[in-house]
PDB file of N, CA and C in Angstrom:
ATOM      1  N   UNK A   1    -116.621 181.348   5.135  1.00  0.00           N
ATOM      2  CA  UNK A   1    -116.837 180.329   4.139  1.00  0.00           C
ATOM      3  C   UNK A   1    -117.485 179.141   4.828  1.00  0.00           C
ATOM      4  N   UNK A   2    -118.764 179.027   4.635  1.00  0.00           N
ATOM      5  CA  UNK A   2    -119.541 177.974   5.276  1.00  0.00           C
ATOM      6  C   UNK A   2    -119.133 176.625   4.702  1.00  0.00           C
ATOM      7  N   UNK A   3    -118.977 175.658   5.587  1.00  0.00           N
ATOM      8  CA  UNK A   3    -118.651 174.299   5.164  1.00  0.00           C
ATOM      9  C   UNK A   3    -117.163 174.025   5.031  1.00  0.00           C
ATOM     10  N   UNK A   4    -116.342 174.991   5.386  1.00  0.00           N
ATOM     11  CA  UNK A   4    -114.899 174.752   5.342  1.00  0.00           C
ATOM     12  C   UNK A   4    -114.326 174.900   6.746  1.00  0.00           C
ATOM     13  N   UNK A   5    -113.225 174.272   6.949  1.00  0.00           N
ATOM     14  CA  UNK A   5    -112.560 174.365   8.246  1.00  0.00           C
ATOM     15  C   UNK A   5    -111.434 175.385   8.150  1.00  0.00           C
ATOM     16  N   UNK A   6    -110.929 175.747   9.317  1.00  0.00           N
ATOM     17  CA  UNK A   6    -109.802 176.670   9.346  1.00  0.00           C
ATOM     18  C   UNK A   6    -108.611 176.079   8.592  1.00  0.00           C
ATOM     19  N   UNK A   7    -108.411 174.783   8.718  1.00  0.00           N
ATOM     20  CA  UNK A   7    -107.285 174.143   8.032  1.00  0.00           C
ATOM     21  C   UNK A   7    -107.452 174.216   6.518  1.00  0.00           C
ATOM     22  N   UNK A   8    -108.676 174.054   6.034  1.00  0.00           N
ATOM     23  CA  UNK A   8    -108.933 174.178   4.590  1.00  0.00           C
ATOM     24  C   UNK A   8    -108.629 175.599   4.113  1.00  0.00           C
ATOM     25  N   UNK A   9    -109.093 176.560   4.883  1.00  0.00           N
ATOM     26  CA  UNK A   9    -108.863 177.953   4.515  1.00  0.00           C
ATOM     27  C   UNK A   9    -107.376 178.292   4.536  1.00  0.00           C
ATOM     28  N   UNK A  10    -106.680 177.832   5.570  1.00  0.00           N
ATOM     29  CA  UNK A  10    -105.239 178.081   5.673  1.00  0.00           C
ATOM     30  C   UNK A  10    -104.499 177.464   4.490  1.00  0.00           C
ATOM     31  N   UNK A  11    -104.864 176.251   4.118  1.00  0.00           N
ATOM     32  CA  UNK A  11    -104.232 175.572   2.984  1.00  0.00           C
ATOM     33  C   UNK A  11    -104.507 176.333   1.685  1.00  0.00           C
ATOM     34  N   UNK A  12    -105.725 176.812   1.496  1.00  0.00           N
ATOM     35  CA  UNK A  12    -106.074 177.557   0.286  1.00  0.00           C
ATOM     36  C   UNK A  12    -105.315 178.884   0.202  1.00  0.00           C
ATOM     37  N   UNK A  13    -105.218 179.563   1.334  1.00  0.00           N
ATOM     38  CA  UNK A  13    -104.480 180.832   1.364  1.00  0.00           C
ATOM     39  C   UNK A  13    -103.009 180.592   1.055  1.00  0.00           C
ATOM     40  N   UNK A  14    -102.434 179.579   1.662  1.00  0.00           N
ATOM     41  CA  UNK A  14    -101.026 179.252   1.424  1.00  0.00           C
ATOM     42  C   UNK A  14    -100.781 178.901  -0.040  1.00  0.00           C
ATOM     43  N   UNK A  15    -101.710 178.174  -0.646  1.00  0.00           N
ATOM     44  CA  UNK A  15    -101.571 177.799  -2.056  1.00  0.00           C
ATOM     45  C   UNK A  15    -101.621 179.032  -2.960  1.00  0.00           C
ATOM     46  N   UNK A  16    -102.475 180.005  -2.612  1.00  0.00           N
ATOM     47  CA  UNK A  16    -102.561 181.227  -3.424  1.00  0.00           C
ATOM     48  C   UNK A  16    -101.312 182.083  -3.274  1.00  0.00           C
ATOM     49  N   UNK A  17    -100.705 182.074  -2.095  1.00  0.00           N
ATOM     50  CA  UNK A  17     -99.526 182.894  -1.844  1.00  0.00           C
ATOM     51  C   UNK A  17     -98.229 182.230  -2.298  1.00  0.00           C
ATOM     52  N   UNK A  18     -98.231 180.936  -2.499  1.00  0.00           N
ATOM     53  CA  UNK A  18     -97.001 180.192  -2.804  1.00  0.00           C
ATOM     54  C   UNK A  18     -96.219 180.755  -3.993  1.00  0.00           C
ATOM     55  N   UNK A  19     -96.851 181.086  -5.117  1.00  0.00           N
ATOM     56  CA  UNK A  19     -96.062 181.638  -6.236  1.00  0.00           C
ATOM     57  C   UNK A  19     -95.388 182.975  -5.883  1.00  0.00           C
ATOM     58  N   UNK A  20     -96.085 183.831  -5.154  1.00  0.00           N
ATOM     59  CA  UNK A  20     -95.503 185.124  -4.755  1.00  0.00           C
ATOM     60  C   UNK A  20     -94.357 184.919  -3.772  1.00  0.00           C
ATOM     61  N   UNK A  21     -94.535 183.996  -2.846  1.00  0.00           N
ATOM     62  CA  UNK A  21     -93.502 183.704  -1.860  1.00  0.00           C
ATOM     63  C   UNK A  21     -92.259 183.143  -2.543  1.00  0.00           C
ATOM     64  N   UNK A  22     -92.456 182.260  -3.505  1.00  0.00           N
ATOM     65  CA  UNK A  22     -91.325 181.677  -4.234  1.00  0.00           C
ATOM     66  C   UNK A  22     -90.593 182.748  -5.039  1.00  0.00           C
ATOM     67  N   UNK A  23     -91.330 183.646  -5.667  1.00  0.00           N
ATOM     68  CA  UNK A  23     -90.711 184.727  -6.435  1.00  0.00           C
ATOM     69  C   UNK A  23     -89.904 185.642  -5.519  1.00  0.00           C
ATOM     70  N   UNK A  24     -90.443 185.970  -4.352  1.00  0.00           N
ATOM     71  CA  UNK A  24     -89.723 186.814  -3.390  1.00  0.00           C
ATOM     72  C   UNK A  24     -88.455 186.121  -2.912  1.00  0.00           C
ATOM     73  N   UNK A  25     -88.513 184.809  -2.721  1.00  0.00           N
ATOM     74  CA  UNK A  25     -87.329 184.054  -2.321  1.00  0.00           C
ATOM     75  C   UNK A  25     -86.245 184.102  -3.390  1.00  0.00           C
ATOM     76  N   UNK A  26     -86.649 184.031  -4.653  1.00  0.00           N
ATOM     77  CA  UNK A  26     -85.676 184.125  -5.744  1.00  0.00           C
ATOM     78  C   UNK A  26     -85.031 185.515  -5.780  1.00  0.00           C
ATOM     79  N   UNK A  27     -85.833 186.553  -5.573  1.00  0.00           N
ATOM     80  CA  UNK A  27     -85.303 187.923  -5.558  1.00  0.00           C
ATOM     81  C   UNK A  27     -84.302 188.078  -4.414  1.00  0.00           C
ATOM     82  N   UNK A  28     -84.627 187.564  -3.233  1.00  0.00           N
ATOM     83  CA  UNK A  28     -83.725 187.653  -2.081  1.00  0.00           C
ATOM     84  C   UNK A  28     -82.422 186.903  -2.358  1.00  0.00           C
ATOM     85  N   UNK A  29     -82.507 185.733  -2.973  1.00  0.00           N
ATOM     86  CA  UNK A  29     -81.305 184.956  -3.291  1.00  0.00           C
ATOM     87  C   UNK A  29     -80.437 185.686  -4.315  1.00  0.00           C
ATOM     88  N   UNK A  30     -81.073 186.283  -5.308  1.00  0.00           N
ATOM     89  CA  UNK A  30     -80.319 187.038  -6.319  1.00  0.00           C
ATOM     90  C   UNK A  30     -79.620 188.242  -5.686  1.00  0.00           C
ATOM     91  N   UNK A  31     -80.316 188.925  -4.770  1.00  0.00           N
ATOM     92  CA  UNK A  31     -79.701 190.064  -4.097  1.00  0.00           C
ATOM     93  C   UNK A  31     -78.516 189.600  -3.249  1.00  0.00           C
ATOM     94  N   UNK A  32     -78.680 188.527  -2.495  1.00  0.00           N
ATOM     95  CA  UNK A  32     -77.591 188.011  -1.655  1.00  0.00           C
ATOM     96  C   UNK A  32     -76.371 187.661  -2.510  1.00  0.00           C
ATOM     97  N   UNK A  33     -76.592 187.103  -3.682  1.00  0.00           N
ATOM     98  CA  UNK A  33     -75.487 186.727  -4.569  1.00  0.00           C
ATOM     99  C   UNK A  33     -74.687 187.938  -5.046  1.00  0.00           C
ATOM    100  N   UNK A  34     -75.309 189.112  -5.104  1.00  0.00           N
ATOM    101  CA  UNK A  34     -74.617 190.316  -5.570  1.00  0.00           C
ATOM    102  C   UNK A  34     -73.535 190.780  -4.597  1.00  0.00           C
ATOM    103  N   UNK A  35     -73.608 190.334  -3.351  1.00  0.00           N
ATOM    104  CA  UNK A  35     -72.630 190.774  -2.357  1.00  0.00           C
ATOM    105  C   UNK A  35     -71.353 189.946  -2.362  1.00  0.00           C
ATOM    106  N   UNK A  36     -71.407 188.727  -2.870  1.00  0.00           N
ATOM    107  CA  UNK A  36     -70.235 187.844  -2.845  1.00  0.00           C
ATOM    108  C   UNK A  36     -69.017 188.455  -3.535  1.00  0.00           C
ATOM    109  N   UNK A  37     -69.155 188.993  -4.755  1.00  0.00           N
ATOM    110  CA  UNK A  37     -67.971 189.575  -5.397  1.00  0.00           C
ATOM    111  C   UNK A  37     -67.430 190.803  -4.660  1.00  0.00           C
ATOM    112  N   UNK A  38     -68.239 191.387  -3.789  1.00  0.00           N
ATOM    113  CA  UNK A  38     -67.823 192.574  -3.045  1.00  0.00           C
ATOM    114  C   UNK A  38     -67.171 192.220  -1.705  1.00  0.00           C
ATOM    115  N   UNK A  39     -67.085 190.927  -1.397  1.00  0.00           N
ATOM    116  CA  UNK A  39     -66.474 190.482  -0.157  1.00  0.00           C
ATOM    117  C   UNK A  39     -67.363 190.643   1.060  1.00  0.00           C
ATOM    118  N   UNK A  40     -68.661 190.719   0.851  1.00  0.00           N
ATOM    119  CA  UNK A  40     -69.616 190.877   1.944  1.00  0.00           C
ATOM    120  C   UNK A  40     -70.434 189.597   2.047  1.00  0.00           C
ATOM    121  N   UNK A  41     -70.469 189.010   3.248  1.00  0.00           N
ATOM    122  CA  UNK A  41     -71.221 187.776   3.490  1.00  0.00           C
ATOM    123  C   UNK A  41     -72.704 188.103   3.600  1.00  0.00           C
ATOM    124  N   UNK A  42     -73.497 187.530   2.727  1.00  0.00           N
ATOM    125  CA  UNK A  42     -74.946 187.762   2.730  1.00  0.00           C
ATOM    126  C   UNK A  42     -75.663 186.474   2.370  1.00  0.00           C
ATOM    127  N   UNK A  43     -76.837 186.290   2.969  1.00  0.00           N
ATOM    128  CA  UNK A  43     -77.613 185.080   2.699  1.00  0.00           C
ATOM    129  C   UNK A  43     -79.099 185.400   2.787  1.00  0.00           C
ATOM    130  N   UNK A  44     -79.904 184.762   1.931  1.00  0.00           N
ATOM    131  CA  UNK A  44     -81.355 184.956   2.044  1.00  0.00           C
ATOM    132  C   UNK A  44     -81.877 184.308   3.327  1.00  0.00           C
ATOM    133  N   UNK A  45     -82.859 184.939   3.942  1.00  0.00           N
ATOM    134  CA  UNK A  45     -83.465 184.415   5.171  1.00  0.00           C
ATOM    135  C   UNK A  45     -84.983 184.534   5.082  1.00  0.00           C
ATOM    136  N   UNK A  46     -85.669 183.621   5.734  1.00  0.00           N
ATOM    137  CA  UNK A  46     -87.126 183.610   5.786  1.00  0.00           C
ATOM    138  C   UNK A  46     -87.574 184.037   7.176  1.00  0.00           C
ATOM    139  N   UNK A  47     -88.434 185.033   7.262  1.00  0.00           N
ATOM    140  CA  UNK A  47     -88.994 185.494   8.532  1.00  0.00           C
ATOM    141  C   UNK A  47     -90.312 184.757   8.730  1.00  0.00           C
ATOM    142  N   UNK A  48     -90.265 183.729   9.559  1.00  0.00           N
ATOM    143  CA  UNK A  48     -91.437 182.875   9.795  1.00  0.00           C
ATOM    144  C   UNK A  48     -92.595 183.655  10.410  1.00  0.00           C
ATOM    145  N   UNK A  49     -92.284 184.608  11.273  1.00  0.00           N
ATOM    146  CA  UNK A  49     -93.329 185.354  11.982  1.00  0.00           C
ATOM    147  C   UNK A  49     -94.114 186.251  11.022  1.00  0.00           C
ATOM    148  N   UNK A  50     -93.404 186.977  10.165  1.00  0.00           N
ATOM    149  CA  UNK A  50     -94.082 187.915   9.261  1.00  0.00           C
ATOM    150  C   UNK A  50     -94.300 187.370   7.864  1.00  0.00           C
ATOM    151  N   UNK A  51     -93.802 186.172   7.608  1.00  0.00           N
ATOM    152  CA  UNK A  51     -94.004 185.545   6.306  1.00  0.00           C
ATOM    153  C   UNK A  51     -93.397 186.348   5.170  1.00  0.00           C
ATOM    154  N   UNK A  52     -92.097 186.652   5.292  1.00  0.00           N
ATOM    155  CA  UNK A  52     -91.435 187.453   4.264  1.00  0.00           C
ATOM    156  C   UNK A  52     -89.985 187.003   4.104  1.00  0.00           C
ATOM    157  N   UNK A  53     -89.435 187.311   2.951  1.00  0.00           N
ATOM    158  CA  UNK A  53     -88.042 187.006   2.661  1.00  0.00           C
ATOM    159  C   UNK A  53     -87.193 188.241   2.897  1.00  0.00           C
ATOM    160  N   UNK A  54     -85.948 187.995   3.230  1.00  0.00           N
ATOM    161  CA  UNK A  54     -85.000 189.078   3.405  1.00  0.00           C
ATOM    162  C   UNK A  54     -83.598 188.583   3.143  1.00  0.00           C
ATOM    163  N   UNK A  55     -82.642 189.484   3.396  1.00  0.00           N
ATOM    164  CA  UNK A  55     -81.235 189.143   3.240  1.00  0.00           C
ATOM    165  C   UNK A  55     -80.516 189.574   4.516  1.00  0.00           C
ATOM    166  N   UNK A  56     -79.730 188.660   5.079  1.00  0.00           N
ATOM    167  CA  UNK A  56     -78.916 188.945   6.262  1.00  0.00           C
ATOM    168  C   UNK A  56     -77.513 189.255   5.786  1.00  0.00           C
ATOM    169  N   UNK A  57     -77.018 190.431   6.144  1.00  0.00           N
ATOM    170  CA  UNK A  57     -75.704 190.887   5.730  1.00  0.00           C
ATOM    171  C   UNK A  57     -74.812 190.967   6.958  1.00  0.00           C
ATOM    172  N   UNK A  58     -73.628 190.352   6.878  1.00  0.00           N
ATOM    173  CA  UNK A  58     -72.685 190.338   7.998  1.00  0.00           C
ATOM    174  C   UNK A  58     -71.592 191.366   7.720  1.00  0.00           C
ATOM    175  N   UNK A  59     -71.298 192.178   8.725  1.00  0.00           N
ATOM    176  CA  UNK A  59     -70.230 193.179   8.620  1.00  0.00           C
ATOM    177  C   UNK A  59     -68.888 192.452   8.541  1.00  0.00           C
ATOM    178  N   UNK A  60     -68.131 192.626   7.459  1.00  0.00           N
ATOM    179  CA  UNK A  60     -66.870 191.894   7.292  1.00  0.00           C
ATOM    180  C   UNK A  60     -65.840 192.171   8.385  1.00  0.00           C
ATOM    181  N   UNK A  61     -65.802 193.384   8.934  1.00  0.00           N
ATOM    182  CA  UNK A  61     -64.798 193.725   9.937  1.00  0.00           C
ATOM    183  C   UNK A  61     -65.164 193.195  11.328  1.00  0.00           C
ATOM    184  N   UNK A  62     -66.423 192.801  11.503  1.00  0.00           N
ATOM    185  CA  UNK A  62     -66.878 192.299  12.800  1.00  0.00           C
ATOM    186  C   UNK A  62     -67.982 191.282  12.520  1.00  0.00           C
ATOM    187  N   UNK A  63     -67.649 190.011  12.522  1.00  0.00           N
ATOM    188  CA  UNK A  63     -68.592 188.959  12.161  1.00  0.00           C
ATOM    189  C   UNK A  63     -69.817 188.860  13.046  1.00  0.00           C
ATOM    190  N   UNK A  64     -69.810 189.556  14.196  1.00  0.00           N
ATOM    191  CA  UNK A  64     -70.974 189.525  15.076  1.00  0.00           C
ATOM    192  C   UNK A  64     -71.994 190.601  14.708  1.00  0.00           C
ATOM    193  N   UNK A  65     -71.577 191.584  13.944  1.00  0.00           N
ATOM    194  CA  UNK A  65     -72.449 192.698  13.571  1.00  0.00           C
ATOM    195  C   UNK A  65     -73.130 192.376  12.244  1.00  0.00           C
ATOM    196  N   UNK A  66     -74.426 192.463  12.223  1.00  0.00           N
ATOM    197  CA  UNK A  66     -75.140 192.161  10.987  1.00  0.00           C
ATOM    198  C   UNK A  66     -76.384 193.042  10.870  1.00  0.00           C
ATOM    199  N   UNK A  67     -76.930 193.066   9.680  1.00  0.00           N
ATOM    200  CA  UNK A  67     -78.173 193.791   9.423  1.00  0.00           C
ATOM    201  C   UNK A  67     -79.070 192.920   8.545  1.00  0.00           C
ATOM    202  N   UNK A  68     -80.328 193.268   8.497  1.00  0.00           N
ATOM    203  CA  UNK A  68     -81.275 192.603   7.608  1.00  0.00           C
ATOM    204  C   UNK A  68     -81.958 193.653   6.745  1.00  0.00           C
ATOM    205  N   UNK A  69     -82.162 193.321   5.493  1.00  0.00           N
ATOM    206  CA  UNK A  69     -83.070 194.080   4.651  1.00  0.00           C
ATOM    207  C   UNK A  69     -84.191 193.111   4.292  1.00  0.00           C
ATOM    208  N   UNK A  70     -85.425 193.594   4.353  1.00  0.00           N
ATOM    209  CA  UNK A  70     -86.581 192.718   4.158  1.00  0.00           C
ATOM    210  C   UNK A  70     -87.381 193.148   2.938  1.00  0.00           C
ATOM    211  N   UNK A  71     -87.874 192.175   2.225  1.00  0.00           N
ATOM    212  CA  UNK A  71     -88.736 192.437   1.083  1.00  0.00           C
ATOM    213  C   UNK A  71     -90.178 192.445   1.586  1.00  0.00           C
ATOM    214  N   UNK A  72     -90.691 193.632   1.808  1.00  0.00           N
ATOM    215  CA  UNK A  72     -92.067 193.815   2.293  1.00  0.00           C
ATOM    216  C   UNK A  72     -92.938 194.248   1.121  1.00  0.00           C
ATOM    217  N   UNK A  73     -93.686 193.288   0.603  1.00  0.00           N
ATOM    218  CA  UNK A  73     -94.522 193.597  -0.563  1.00  0.00           C
ATOM    219  C   UNK A  73     -93.656 193.899  -1.769  1.00  0.00           C
ATOM    220  N   UNK A  74     -93.681 195.152  -2.185  1.00  0.00           N
ATOM    221  CA  UNK A  74     -92.915 195.529  -3.371  1.00  0.00           C
ATOM    222  C   UNK A  74     -91.753 196.460  -3.053  1.00  0.00           C
ATOM    223  N   UNK A  75     -91.323 196.489  -1.780  1.00  0.00           N
ATOM    224  CA  UNK A  75     -90.204 197.339  -1.362  1.00  0.00           C
ATOM    225  C   UNK A  75     -89.266 196.610  -0.405  1.00  0.00           C
ATOM    226  N   UNK A  76     -87.990 196.958  -0.507  1.00  0.00           N
ATOM    227  CA  UNK A  76     -87.000 196.525   0.466  1.00  0.00           C
ATOM    228  C   UNK A  76     -87.023 197.524   1.607  1.00  0.00           C
ATOM    229  N   UNK A  77     -86.978 197.050   2.847  1.00  0.00           N
ATOM    230  CA  UNK A  77     -86.909 197.924   4.009  1.00  0.00           C
ATOM    231  C   UNK A  77     -85.779 197.436   4.906  1.00  0.00           C
ATOM    232  N   UNK A  78     -85.373 198.294   5.832  1.00  0.00           N
ATOM    233  CA  UNK A  78     -84.281 197.983   6.736  1.00  0.00           C
ATOM    234  C   UNK A  78     -84.851 197.690   8.102  1.00  0.00           C
ATOM    235  N   UNK A  79     -84.271 196.744   8.839  1.00  0.00           N
ATOM    236  CA  UNK A  79     -84.778 196.285  10.124  1.00  0.00           C
ATOM    237  C   UNK A  79     -85.094 197.393  11.121  1.00  0.00           C
ATOM    238  N   UNK A  80     -84.182 198.330  11.398  1.00  0.00           N
ATOM    239  CA  UNK A  80     -84.495 199.307  12.436  1.00  0.00           C
ATOM    240  C   UNK A  80     -85.686 200.202  12.112  1.00  0.00           C
ATOM    241  N   UNK A  81     -86.178 200.141  10.904  1.00  0.00           N
ATOM    242  CA  UNK A  81     -87.345 200.933  10.562  1.00  0.00           C
ATOM    243  C   UNK A  81     -87.031 202.353  10.160  1.00  0.00           C
ATOM    244  N   UNK A  82     -85.817 202.594   9.690  1.00  0.00           N
ATOM    245  CA  UNK A  82     -85.499 203.934   9.220  1.00  0.00           C
ATOM    246  C   UNK A  82     -86.315 204.215   7.955  1.00  0.00           C
ATOM    247  N   UNK A  83     -86.294 205.435   7.515  1.00  0.00           N
ATOM    248  CA  UNK A  83     -87.137 205.821   6.385  1.00  0.00           C
ATOM    249  C   UNK A  83     -86.633 205.292   5.054  1.00  0.00           C
ATOM    250  N   UNK A  84     -85.490 204.613   5.044  1.00  0.00           N
ATOM    251  CA  UNK A  84     -84.961 204.083   3.793  1.00  0.00           C
ATOM    252  C   UNK A  84     -85.827 202.944   3.280  1.00  0.00           C
ATOM    253  N   UNK A  85     -86.059 202.943   1.995  1.00  0.00           N
ATOM    254  CA  UNK A  85     -86.661 201.798   1.313  1.00  0.00           C
ATOM    255  C   UNK A  85     -86.268 201.886  -0.150  1.00  0.00           C
ATOM    256  N   UNK A  86     -86.401 200.784  -0.842  1.00  0.00           N
ATOM    257  CA  UNK A  86     -86.086 200.730  -2.263  1.00  0.00           C
ATOM    258  C   UNK A  86     -87.092 199.797  -2.928  1.00  0.00           C
ATOM    259  N   UNK A  87     -87.459 200.082  -4.164  1.00  0.00           N
ATOM    260  CA  UNK A  87     -88.357 199.177  -4.875  1.00  0.00           C
ATOM    261  C   UNK A  87     -87.750 197.769  -4.967  1.00  0.00           C
ATOM    262  N   UNK A  88     -88.601 196.781  -5.046  1.00  0.00           N
ATOM    263  CA  UNK A  88     -88.146 195.387  -5.081  1.00  0.00           C
ATOM    264  C   UNK A  88     -87.177 195.114  -6.219  1.00  0.00           C
ATOM    265  N   UNK A  89     -87.329 195.814  -7.319  1.00  0.00           N
ATOM    266  CA  UNK A  89     -86.469 195.554  -8.470  1.00  0.00           C
ATOM    267  C   UNK A  89     -85.213 196.430  -8.497  1.00  0.00           C
ATOM    268  N   UNK A  90     -84.993 197.251  -7.478  1.00  0.00           N
ATOM    269  CA  UNK A  90     -83.825 198.134  -7.422  1.00  0.00           C
ATOM    270  C   UNK A  90     -82.711 197.497  -6.597  1.00  0.00           C
ATOM    271  N   UNK A  91     -82.166 196.401  -7.086  1.00  0.00           N
ATOM    272  CA  UNK A  91     -81.088 195.713  -6.363  1.00  0.00           C
ATOM    273  C   UNK A  91     -79.855 196.593  -6.244  1.00  0.00           C
ATOM    274  N   UNK A  92     -79.576 197.412  -7.260  1.00  0.00           N
ATOM    275  CA  UNK A  92     -78.417 198.307  -7.192  1.00  0.00           C
ATOM    276  C   UNK A  92     -78.553 199.283  -6.026  1.00  0.00           C
ATOM    277  N   UNK A  93     -79.759 199.818  -5.809  1.00  0.00           N
ATOM    278  CA  UNK A  93     -79.998 200.733  -4.699  1.00  0.00           C
ATOM    279  C   UNK A  93     -79.801 200.062  -3.353  1.00  0.00           C
ATOM    280  N   UNK A  94     -80.230 198.816  -3.244  1.00  0.00           N
ATOM    281  CA  UNK A  94     -80.056 198.072  -1.992  1.00  0.00           C
ATOM    282  C   UNK A  94     -78.567 197.819  -1.741  1.00  0.00           C
ATOM    283  N   UNK A  95     -77.847 197.431  -2.777  1.00  0.00           N
ATOM    284  CA  UNK A  95     -76.413 197.174  -2.637  1.00  0.00           C
ATOM    285  C   UNK A  95     -75.692 198.453  -2.203  1.00  0.00           C
ATOM    286  N   UNK A  96     -76.018 199.597  -2.810  1.00  0.00           N
ATOM    287  CA  UNK A  96     -75.389 200.864  -2.413  1.00  0.00           C
ATOM    288  C   UNK A  96     -75.667 201.178  -0.945  1.00  0.00           C
ATOM    289  N   UNK A  97     -76.915 200.998  -0.518  1.00  0.00           N
ATOM    290  CA  UNK A  97     -77.283 201.267   0.870  1.00  0.00           C
ATOM    291  C   UNK A  97     -76.499 200.377   1.824  1.00  0.00           C
ATOM    292  N   UNK A  98     -76.444 199.084   1.531  1.00  0.00           N
ATOM    293  CA  UNK A  98     -75.744 198.137   2.404  1.00  0.00           C
ATOM    294  C   UNK A  98     -74.250 198.436   2.435  1.00  0.00           C
ATOM    295  N   UNK A  99     -73.659 198.749   1.290  1.00  0.00           N
ATOM    296  CA  UNK A  99     -72.227 199.052   1.271  1.00  0.00           C
ATOM    297  C   UNK A  99     -71.917 200.318   2.068  1.00  0.00           C
ATOM    298  N   UNK A 100     -72.816 201.277   2.073  1.00  0.00           N
ATOM    299  CA  UNK A 100     -72.650 202.475   2.906  1.00  0.00           C
ATOM    300  C   UNK A 100     -72.656 202.082   4.371  1.00  0.00           C
ATOM    301  N   UNK A 101     -73.584 201.220   4.751  1.00  0.00           N
ATOM    302  CA  UNK A 101     -73.669 200.736   6.134  1.00  0.00           C
ATOM    303  C   UNK A 101     -72.377 200.022   6.522  1.00  0.00           C
ATOM    304  N   UNK A 102     -71.903 199.145   5.643  1.00  0.00           N
ATOM    305  CA  UNK A 102     -70.680 198.383   5.909  1.00  0.00           C
ATOM    306  C   UNK A 102     -69.491 199.334   6.026  1.00  0.00           C
ATOM    307  N   UNK A 103     -69.390 200.305   5.136  1.00  0.00           N
ATOM    308  CA  UNK A 103     -68.272 201.250   5.147  1.00  0.00           C
ATOM    309  C   UNK A 103     -68.257 202.063   6.431  1.00  0.00           C
ATOM    310  N   UNK A 104     -69.418 202.536   6.860  1.00  0.00           N
ATOM    311  CA  UNK A 104     -69.501 203.307   8.105  1.00  0.00           C
ATOM    312  C   UNK A 104     -69.053 202.472   9.306  1.00  0.00           C
ATOM    313  N   UNK A 105     -69.418 201.207   9.331  1.00  0.00           N
ATOM    314  CA  UNK A 105     -69.044 200.353  10.464  1.00  0.00           C
ATOM    315  C   UNK A 105     -67.554 199.979  10.426  1.00  0.00           C
ATOM    316  N   UNK A 106     -66.971 199.888   9.241  1.00  0.00           N
ATOM    317  CA  UNK A 106     -65.551 199.602   9.165  1.00  0.00           C
ATOM    318  C   UNK A 106     -64.756 200.728   9.803  1.00  0.00           C
ATOM    319  N   UNK A 107     -65.205 201.950   9.611  1.00  0.00           N
ATOM    320  CA  UNK A 107     -64.526 203.096  10.199  1.00  0.00           C
ATOM    321  C   UNK A 107     -64.606 203.027  11.720  1.00  0.00           C
ATOM    322  N   UNK A 108     -65.772 202.660  12.241  1.00  0.00           N
ATOM    323  CA  UNK A 108     -65.982 202.587  13.692  1.00  0.00           C
ATOM    324  C   UNK A 108     -65.216 201.421  14.294  1.00  0.00           C
ATOM    325  N   UNK A 109     -65.291 200.254  13.637  1.00  0.00           N
ATOM    326  CA  UNK A 109     -64.653 199.051  14.163  1.00  0.00           C
ATOM    327  C   UNK A 109     -63.168 199.153  13.981  1.00  0.00           C
TER     328      UNK A 109
END
């Protein structure tokens, strides 16, 4: 783009992405809220490096053990990169996956 600076371009790109980023943040917050009644500590988190929202889930039996699920585009993915994923609107599927993870760790811990 002739006549523009990198800062102008960066600002324009950020402005175009802002509505999508805000929507993803709302989805992450709504997902995190679903864990509270289940006794699982979860909070939305922002990944500054990859520019994405996720949810950090803490294992109730061991407060040092935690996992992240990330909203990558239109799918939730798990940090270690396993083949699991769920559509962005499938919060029930994400909750089931996380509760399975928590249950397995409770047995180990």
